[in-house]
Amino acid sequence: MELKNLIAEGDGVEVYEYEGKAVKVFNDPSLKEKCLYEALTQARVETTLVNSWLKMPSVNEVSVLSDGRWAITMDLIKGKTMHDLIEEDPSKTDLYLDKMVDVQMELHAQYMPLLSKLKDKMSRQIKSLGVIDEIKKYELLTRLDSMPKHIKLCHGNLTPRNIIINEEGTYVLDWVAARQGNASADVARTYLLLCLEYPALADKYMDKFCLASGTSKRYVQAWLPIVAAAQLIKNKPEERELLMKWIDVVDYD
């Protein structure tokens, strides 16, 4: 397999177009477990979304390249991302935010008892942090433990860049962070990601989701210190100031 047409890249991965498919390559051969876990996670989500109006790329193959790197071959989804559509016509931003809320609510309507638990992942992330003291960790872990346990499908990385709209429907991409858990944790995560990349849209998104779903805004905000602490694990200097402000365990107005 000769991969030349790079179409996307992220933390430790590259995505190529090859013979009409998308091939996600994990840059380090030691990432075998991560590759296999992501493929399994995506396959499990596929079985759940089969009766939903939402679509997603189907996993076709897991393979090892000649240089020892692991790869996942999946459907190549063509079309414009919601990010592209907002950039092209900002006057329709509200309509696309409404669409994103619809997408997220549809995901949360699915139950995923076979996926790993979001609360377990967050707990591990917080415990491993070296940039906050043990007292702060205790406060965050206590709050996390007190949150209701759900088994809803949480995407974990839902932003306008991971939604493609084309003639065939609405596709959701990038399922590496998908877990079973509390929908409001997933909403808080999306709100955080919007604050980091689309700060002008974040509060509007939060208001739209809470109104459409009948969710208390204070309940979603109670997750913000937790998701901020979990994001610190990525160790991105440009995010640290905002995240450190958010990790204070406080009640929001």
Protein backbone atom coordinates (compact mmCIF):
# COMPACT_ATOMS: atom_id res chain seq x y z
CA MET A 1 0.00 0.00 0.00
CA GLU A 2 1.68 3.20 -1.22
CA LEU A 3 0.16 6.20 0.55
CA LYS A 4 0.81 9.57 -1.08
CA ASN A 5 -2.38 11.64 -0.94
CA LEU A 6 -2.42 13.09 2.58
CA ILE A 7 -5.84 14.62 3.33
CA ALA A 8 -5.69 15.24 7.09
CA GLU A 9 -3.44 14.88 10.12
CA GLY A 10 -3.75 15.13 13.88
CA ASP A 11 -2.05 14.09 17.10
CA GLY A 12 0.05 11.10 16.11
CA VAL A 13 -2.02 10.18 13.06
CA GLU A 14 -2.23 10.89 9.34
CA VAL A 15 -5.16 10.23 7.02
CA TYR A 16 -4.62 9.39 3.35
CA GLU A 17 -6.95 8.87 0.43
CA TYR A 18 -6.20 5.51 -1.20
CA GLU A 19 -8.27 3.74 -3.86
CA GLY A 20 -11.44 5.56 -2.87
CA LYS A 21 -11.01 4.87 0.85
CA ALA A 22 -9.65 6.80 3.82
CA VAL A 23 -6.64 5.21 5.52
CA LYS A 24 -5.87 6.44 9.04
CA VAL A 25 -2.24 5.71 9.88
CA PHE A 26 -0.89 5.72 13.44
CA ASN A 27 2.58 7.23 13.16
CA ASP A 28 4.31 5.05 15.77
CA PRO A 29 4.30 1.23 15.47
CA SER A 30 3.89 1.06 19.26
CA LEU A 31 0.33 2.44 18.90
CA LYS A 32 -1.11 -0.98 18.05
CA GLU A 33 -3.42 -0.99 21.07
CA LYS A 34 -4.71 2.50 20.28
CA CYS A 35 -5.42 1.51 16.68
CA LEU A 36 -7.26 -1.68 17.59
CA TYR A 37 -9.24 0.05 20.34
CA GLU A 38 -10.35 2.82 17.99
CA ALA A 39 -11.42 0.31 15.34
CA LEU A 40 -13.41 -1.67 17.91
CA THR A 41 -15.04 1.47 19.28
CA GLN A 42 -16.05 2.65 15.83
CA ALA A 43 -17.40 -0.79 14.89
CA ARG A 44 -19.56 -0.86 18.02
CA VAL A 45 -20.94 2.61 17.30
CA GLU A 46 -21.70 1.52 13.73
CA THR A 47 -23.99 -1.24 14.96
CA THR A 48 -25.92 1.27 17.07
CA LEU A 49 -26.31 3.97 14.43
CA VAL A 50 -27.57 1.56 11.77
CA ASN A 51 -31.18 2.61 12.48
CA SER A 52 -30.41 6.30 13.02
CA TRP A 53 -30.70 9.12 10.50
CA LEU A 54 -27.07 9.90 11.27
CA LYS A 55 -24.32 8.26 9.25
CA MET A 56 -20.67 7.49 9.89
CA PRO A 57 -17.72 5.97 8.02
CA SER A 58 -17.68 2.19 8.11
CA VAL A 59 -14.49 0.36 9.11
CA ASN A 60 -13.30 -1.88 6.26
CA GLU A 61 -9.95 -3.18 7.46
CA VAL A 62 -7.25 -2.98 10.14
CA SER A 63 -3.76 -3.61 8.78
CA VAL A 64 -0.03 -3.27 9.39
CA LEU A 65 1.97 -1.26 6.85
CA SER A 66 5.35 -2.40 5.55
CA ASP A 67 7.12 -0.05 8.00
CA GLY A 68 5.30 -1.56 11.00
CA ARG A 69 2.75 1.20 11.50
CA TRP A 70 -0.87 0.26 12.11
CA ALA A 71 -3.73 1.59 10.00
CA ILE A 72 -7.50 1.62 9.81
CA THR A 73 -9.12 1.66 6.35
CA MET A 74 -12.63 3.12 6.29
CA ASP A 75 -15.15 4.75 3.99
CA LEU A 76 -14.00 8.05 2.51
CA ILE A 77 -16.75 10.59 3.15
CA LYS A 78 -16.76 13.49 0.73
CA GLY A 79 -18.57 16.76 1.22
CA LYS A 80 -18.22 19.96 3.20
CA THR A 81 -17.72 20.02 6.92
CA MET A 82 -19.96 22.20 9.02
CA HIS A 83 -16.85 24.29 9.68
CA ASP A 84 -16.50 24.92 5.92
CA LEU A 85 -20.18 25.81 5.57
CA ILE A 86 -20.04 28.32 8.42
CA GLU A 87 -16.90 29.88 6.92
CA GLU A 88 -18.58 30.18 3.52
CA ASP A 89 -21.81 31.74 4.81
CA PRO A 90 -21.61 33.13 8.37
CA SER A 91 -25.21 34.35 8.09
CA LYS A 92 -26.33 30.71 8.45
CA THR A 93 -24.31 30.06 11.60
CA ASP A 94 -27.42 29.78 13.79
CA LEU A 95 -28.91 27.20 11.43
CA TYR A 96 -25.77 25.10 11.55
CA LEU A 97 -25.56 25.33 15.34
CA ASP A 98 -29.17 24.13 15.49
CA LYS A 99 -28.16 21.25 13.22
CA MET A 100 -25.19 20.39 15.45
CA VAL A 101 -27.48 20.32 18.48
CA ASP A 102 -29.84 17.97 16.60
CA VAL A 103 -26.89 15.72 15.77
CA GLN A 104 -25.70 15.62 19.36
CA MET A 105 -29.16 14.91 20.75
CA GLU A 106 -29.55 12.05 18.27
CA LEU A 107 -26.25 10.58 19.45
CA HIS A 108 -27.31 10.88 23.07
CA ALA A 109 -30.51 8.98 22.26
CA GLN A 110 -28.36 5.89 21.61
CA TYR A 111 -27.37 3.62 24.50
CA MET A 112 -23.89 2.09 24.45
CA PRO A 113 -23.34 -0.34 27.36
CA LEU A 114 -20.48 -2.07 25.49
CA LEU A 115 -18.31 1.05 25.19
CA SER A 116 -15.80 2.03 27.86
CA LYS A 117 -17.10 4.42 30.51
CA LEU A 118 -16.48 8.13 30.13
CA LYS A 119 -16.23 8.64 33.90
CA ASP A 120 -13.47 6.02 34.13
CA LYS A 121 -11.50 7.77 31.39
CA MET A 122 -11.86 11.19 33.04
CA SER A 123 -10.83 9.77 36.40
CA ARG A 124 -7.63 8.31 34.94
CA GLN A 125 -6.83 11.59 33.18
CA ILE A 126 -7.30 13.69 36.32
CA LYS A 127 -5.28 11.29 38.51
CA SER A 128 -2.36 11.43 36.07
CA LEU A 129 -2.09 15.23 36.00
CA GLY A 130 1.09 16.72 37.36
CA VAL A 131 0.11 20.38 36.97
CA ILE A 132 -2.47 20.46 39.78
CA ASP A 133 -2.06 19.56 43.44
CA GLU A 134 -3.60 16.58 45.23
CA ILE A 135 -6.24 18.71 46.97
CA LYS A 136 -7.53 19.99 43.63
CA LYS A 137 -7.49 16.47 42.24
CA TYR A 138 -9.53 15.27 45.19
CA GLU A 139 -12.10 18.02 44.68
CA LEU A 140 -12.42 17.23 40.99
CA LEU A 141 -12.61 13.46 41.51
CA THR A 142 -15.22 13.92 44.24
CA ARG A 143 -17.34 15.99 41.92
CA LEU A 144 -16.90 13.47 39.11
CA ASP A 145 -17.92 10.59 41.36
CA SER A 146 -21.08 12.44 42.42
CA MET A 147 -22.31 12.89 38.84
CA PRO A 148 -25.14 10.61 37.65
CA LYS A 149 -24.01 7.52 35.74
CA HIS A 150 -25.54 7.10 32.28
CA ILE A 151 -24.82 4.82 29.31
CA LYS A 152 -25.62 7.26 26.52
CA LEU A 153 -23.42 7.53 23.44
CA CYS A 154 -20.99 10.42 23.96
CA HIS A 155 -18.90 11.40 20.94
CA GLY A 156 -16.26 13.19 23.00
CA ASN A 157 -15.03 15.45 20.20
CA LEU A 158 -18.09 16.86 18.47
CA THR A 159 -17.25 20.13 16.72
CA PRO A 160 -18.17 21.63 13.32
CA ARG A 161 -15.02 20.05 11.87
CA ASN A 162 -16.29 16.52 12.59
CA ILE A 163 -19.66 16.83 10.87
CA ILE A 164 -19.90 16.45 7.08
CA ILE A 165 -23.06 17.25 5.17
CA ASN A 166 -23.50 15.95 1.63
CA GLU A 167 -26.25 14.73 -0.69
CA GLU A 168 -26.45 11.40 1.13
CA GLY A 169 -27.02 12.88 4.59
CA THR A 170 -25.19 13.96 7.72
CA TYR A 171 -22.01 12.13 8.69
CA VAL A 172 -20.18 12.25 12.01
CA LEU A 173 -16.43 11.60 11.93
CA ASP A 174 -13.61 10.97 14.43
CA TRP A 175 -14.88 8.41 16.93
CA VAL A 176 -11.64 7.83 18.83
CA ALA A 177 -12.99 9.53 22.00
CA ALA A 178 -16.45 7.91 21.97
CA ARG A 179 -17.56 6.48 25.32
CA GLN A 180 -20.72 5.61 27.23
CA GLY A 181 -21.64 8.27 29.74
CA ASN A 182 -23.58 11.33 30.78
CA ALA A 183 -24.84 13.48 27.91
CA SER A 184 -24.14 16.70 29.81
CA ALA A 185 -20.48 15.74 30.10
CA ASP A 186 -20.38 15.44 26.32
CA VAL A 187 -22.07 18.83 25.96
CA ALA A 188 -19.57 20.41 28.37
CA ARG A 189 -16.77 18.89 26.30
CA THR A 190 -18.17 20.37 23.07
CA TYR A 191 -18.61 23.73 24.80
CA LEU A 192 -14.96 23.63 25.87
CA LEU A 193 -13.77 22.79 22.36
CA LEU A 194 -15.86 25.62 20.95
CA CYS A 195 -14.39 28.05 23.50
CA LEU A 196 -10.93 27.05 22.32
CA GLU A 197 -11.59 27.32 18.57
CA TYR A 198 -14.88 29.17 18.07
CA PRO A 199 -15.24 31.40 21.15
CA ALA A 200 -17.98 33.51 19.56
CA LEU A 201 -20.18 30.42 19.14
CA ALA A 202 -19.70 28.63 22.46
CA ASP A 203 -22.31 30.36 24.63
CA LYS A 204 -24.84 30.37 21.81
CA TYR A 205 -24.35 26.63 21.37
CA MET A 206 -24.78 26.01 25.09
CA ASP A 207 -28.02 28.00 25.20
CA LYS A 208 -29.38 26.23 22.13
CA PHE A 209 -28.60 22.76 23.47
CA CYS A 210 -30.08 23.40 26.90
CA LEU A 211 -33.24 24.87 25.40
CA ALA A 212 -33.72 22.08 22.86
CA SER A 213 -33.02 19.26 25.32
CA GLY A 214 -34.64 20.75 28.42
CA THR A 215 -31.34 20.44 30.27
CA SER A 216 -30.42 22.78 33.12
CA LYS A 217 -27.52 25.01 32.12
CA ARG A 218 -26.14 24.80 35.65
CA TYR A 219 -26.06 21.01 35.37
CA VAL A 220 -23.94 21.17 32.20
CA GLN A 221 -21.71 23.84 33.75
CA ALA A 222 -21.06 21.58 36.74
CA TRP A 223 -19.06 19.39 34.34
CA LEU A 224 -16.82 22.22 33.10
CA PRO A 225 -14.07 21.92 35.76
CA ILE A 226 -13.93 18.17 35.10
CA VAL A 227 -13.69 18.39 31.31
CA ALA A 228 -11.15 21.21 31.61
CA ALA A 229 -8.94 19.09 33.87
CA ALA A 230 -9.25 16.14 31.49
CA GLN A 231 -8.19 18.38 28.57
CA LEU A 232 -5.05 19.42 30.47
CA ILE A 233 -3.66 15.94 29.80
CA LYS A 234 -2.99 17.04 26.19
CA ASN A 235 -0.42 19.54 27.51
CA LYS A 236 -1.06 22.26 24.94
CA PRO A 237 0.53 25.53 26.13
CA GLU A 238 -1.96 27.70 24.22
CA GLU A 239 -4.85 26.13 26.17
CA ARG A 240 -3.38 26.04 29.64
CA GLU A 241 -4.39 29.50 30.88
CA LEU A 242 -8.07 29.00 30.06
CA LEU A 243 -8.15 25.43 31.41
CA MET A 244 -6.47 26.34 34.69
CA LYS A 245 -9.13 29.01 35.25
CA TRP A 246 -11.89 26.50 34.63
CA ILE A 247 -10.71 23.76 36.96
CA ASP A 248 -11.77 25.63 40.09
CA VAL A 249 -14.68 23.66 41.50
CA VAL A 250 -17.27 26.41 41.71
CA ASP A 251 -20.94 26.87 41.01
CA TYR A 252 -21.68 28.85 37.89
CA ASP A 253 -24.39 31.45 37.63
